[in-house]
Amino acid sequence: MTTAVVVTTRDGDTVRMFQGVDGPLYRACNGNRCVNCCDLVIALEHLKVWRQKL
């Protein structure tokens, strides 16, 4: 499995893409919260919602 940073926001949030045999998996992280997503758009939406709740 390979990994690459896809997005880093100015607030320090990150979305990493893990490339596996079954396709890509995106991991969105904000501070100590992380979630795995099957789509980059969904991962970015998680970051957006987390920022709005702060």
N, C-alpha and C. Protein backbone atom coordinates (compact mmCIF):
# COMPACT_ATOMS: atom_id res chain seq x y z
N MET A 1 0.85 -1.17 0.00
CA MET A 1 0.00 0.00 0.00
C MET A 1 0.90 1.23 0.00
N THR A 2 0.63 2.16 -0.89
CA THR A 2 1.38 3.41 -0.94
C THR A 2 0.50 4.55 -0.42
N THR A 3 1.16 5.62 0.03
CA THR A 3 0.42 6.75 0.58
C THR A 3 0.94 8.05 -0.02
N ALA A 4 0.07 9.03 -0.10
CA ALA A 4 0.44 10.35 -0.58
C ALA A 4 -0.46 11.38 0.08
N VAL A 5 0.10 12.55 0.40
CA VAL A 5 -0.71 13.64 0.93
C VAL A 5 -1.39 14.31 -0.25
N VAL A 6 -2.70 14.37 -0.23
CA VAL A 6 -3.46 14.96 -1.31
C VAL A 6 -3.76 16.43 -1.01
N VAL A 7 -4.18 16.71 0.22
CA VAL A 7 -4.58 18.06 0.60
C VAL A 7 -4.04 18.36 2.00
N THR A 8 -3.49 19.55 2.17
CA THR A 8 -3.17 20.09 3.48
C THR A 8 -3.75 21.50 3.53
N THR A 9 -4.66 21.74 4.48
CA THR A 9 -5.29 23.05 4.58
C THR A 9 -4.43 24.00 5.38
N ARG A 10 -4.75 25.28 5.34
CA ARG A 10 -3.99 26.27 6.10
C ARG A 10 -4.19 26.11 7.60
N ASP A 11 -5.23 25.38 8.00
CA ASP A 11 -5.48 25.09 9.42
C ASP A 11 -4.72 23.86 9.89
N GLY A 12 -4.03 23.18 8.99
CA GLY A 12 -3.26 22.00 9.35
C GLY A 12 -3.99 20.69 9.16
N ASP A 13 -5.20 20.73 8.64
CA ASP A 13 -5.95 19.50 8.36
C ASP A 13 -5.33 18.81 7.15
N THR A 14 -5.41 17.48 7.12
CA THR A 14 -4.82 16.75 6.00
C THR A 14 -5.78 15.70 5.47
N VAL A 15 -5.63 15.42 4.21
CA VAL A 15 -6.28 14.27 3.57
C VAL A 15 -5.17 13.48 2.90
N ARG A 16 -5.03 12.24 3.30
CA ARG A 16 -4.04 11.35 2.70
C ARG A 16 -4.75 10.30 1.86
N MET A 17 -4.12 9.93 0.76
CA MET A 17 -4.66 8.88 -0.11
C MET A 17 -3.79 7.65 0.05
N PHE A 18 -4.41 6.53 0.34
CA PHE A 18 -3.73 5.25 0.39
C PHE A 18 -4.16 4.45 -0.82
N GLN A 19 -3.20 4.01 -1.62
CA GLN A 19 -3.50 3.25 -2.82
C GLN A 19 -3.28 1.78 -2.53
N GLY A 20 -4.33 1.00 -2.59
CA GLY A 20 -4.26 -0.43 -2.33
C GLY A 20 -4.68 -1.22 -3.55
N VAL A 21 -4.80 -2.51 -3.36
CA VAL A 21 -5.20 -3.39 -4.45
C VAL A 21 -6.63 -3.10 -4.89
N ASP A 22 -7.50 -2.76 -3.95
CA ASP A 22 -8.90 -2.51 -4.26
C ASP A 22 -9.19 -1.08 -4.69
N GLY A 23 -8.17 -0.22 -4.78
CA GLY A 23 -8.37 1.16 -5.18
C GLY A 23 -7.98 2.11 -4.07
N PRO A 24 -8.24 3.40 -4.27
CA PRO A 24 -7.82 4.39 -3.28
C PRO A 24 -8.73 4.45 -2.06
N LEU A 25 -8.13 4.84 -0.93
CA LEU A 25 -8.84 5.09 0.31
C LEU A 25 -8.32 6.43 0.84
N TYR A 26 -9.21 7.31 1.21
CA TYR A 26 -8.83 8.65 1.67
C TYR A 26 -9.04 8.74 3.17
N ARG A 27 -8.05 9.31 3.89
CA ARG A 27 -8.12 9.47 5.34
C ARG A 27 -8.04 10.96 5.65
N ALA A 28 -9.13 11.52 6.16
CA ALA A 28 -9.20 12.93 6.53
C ALA A 28 -8.89 13.05 8.03
N CYS A 29 -7.98 13.96 8.39
CA CYS A 29 -7.61 14.15 9.79
C CYS A 29 -7.67 15.62 10.16
N ASN A 30 -8.26 15.87 11.33
CA ASN A 30 -8.37 17.21 11.89
C ASN A 30 -8.01 17.08 13.37
N GLY A 31 -6.80 17.51 13.71
CA GLY A 31 -6.35 17.35 15.09
C GLY A 31 -6.23 15.88 15.42
N ASN A 32 -6.98 15.42 16.42
CA ASN A 32 -6.92 14.01 16.81
C ASN A 32 -8.09 13.21 16.24
N ARG A 33 -8.88 13.81 15.35
CA ARG A 33 -10.00 13.12 14.71
C ARG A 33 -9.63 12.70 13.31
N CYS A 34 -9.90 11.46 12.97
CA CYS A 34 -9.64 10.96 11.62
C CYS A 34 -10.80 10.08 11.17
N VAL A 35 -11.02 10.07 9.87
CA VAL A 35 -12.07 9.22 9.30
C VAL A 35 -11.60 8.72 7.94
N ASN A 36 -11.94 7.47 7.63
CA ASN A 36 -11.61 6.89 6.33
C ASN A 36 -12.80 7.06 5.40
N CYS A 37 -12.50 7.48 4.16
CA CYS A 37 -13.54 7.73 3.16
C CYS A 37 -13.15 7.08 1.85
N CYS A 38 -14.14 6.76 1.05
CA CYS A 38 -13.87 6.15 -0.26
C CYS A 38 -13.73 7.19 -1.36
N ASP A 39 -13.96 8.47 -1.04
CA ASP A 39 -13.96 9.53 -2.05
C ASP A 39 -13.30 10.79 -1.48
N LEU A 40 -12.54 11.50 -2.30
CA LEU A 40 -11.88 12.73 -1.87
C LEU A 40 -12.89 13.81 -1.49
N VAL A 41 -13.97 13.91 -2.22
CA VAL A 41 -14.99 14.93 -1.95
C VAL A 41 -15.61 14.71 -0.57
N ILE A 42 -15.89 13.48 -0.23
CA ILE A 42 -16.47 13.16 1.07
C ILE A 42 -15.47 13.48 2.18
N ALA A 43 -14.20 13.18 1.97
CA ALA A 43 -13.17 13.49 2.96
C ALA A 43 -13.08 14.99 3.20
N LEU A 44 -13.13 15.78 2.15
CA LEU A 44 -13.09 17.23 2.29
C LEU A 44 -14.33 17.77 3.00
N GLU A 45 -15.47 17.15 2.77
CA GLU A 45 -16.70 17.56 3.46
C GLU A 45 -16.60 17.29 4.96
N HIS A 46 -15.98 16.18 5.34
CA HIS A 46 -15.77 15.91 6.77
C HIS A 46 -14.95 17.03 7.41
N LEU A 47 -13.90 17.45 6.74
CA LEU A 47 -13.07 18.54 7.28
C LEU A 47 -13.88 19.82 7.41
N LYS A 48 -14.71 20.08 6.43
CA LYS A 48 -15.55 21.30 6.43
C LYS A 48 -16.53 21.27 7.62
N VAL A 49 -17.17 20.14 7.84
CA VAL A 49 -18.13 20.02 8.94
C VAL A 49 -17.42 20.16 10.28
N TRP A 50 -16.25 19.53 10.42
CA TRP A 50 -15.50 19.64 11.67
C TRP A 50 -15.10 21.08 11.96
N ARG A 51 -14.71 21.82 10.94
CA ARG A 51 -14.33 23.22 11.12
C ARG A 51 -15.54 24.09 11.52
N GLN A 52 -16.71 23.79 10.98
CA GLN A 52 -17.90 24.56 11.31
C GLN A 52 -18.34 24.32 12.75
N LYS A 53 -18.08 23.14 13.30
CA LYS A 53 -18.48 22.81 14.66
C LYS A 53 -17.53 23.40 15.70
N LEU A 54 -16.35 23.85 15.29
CA LEU A 54 -15.40 24.41 16.27
C LEU A 54 -15.78 25.78 16.61
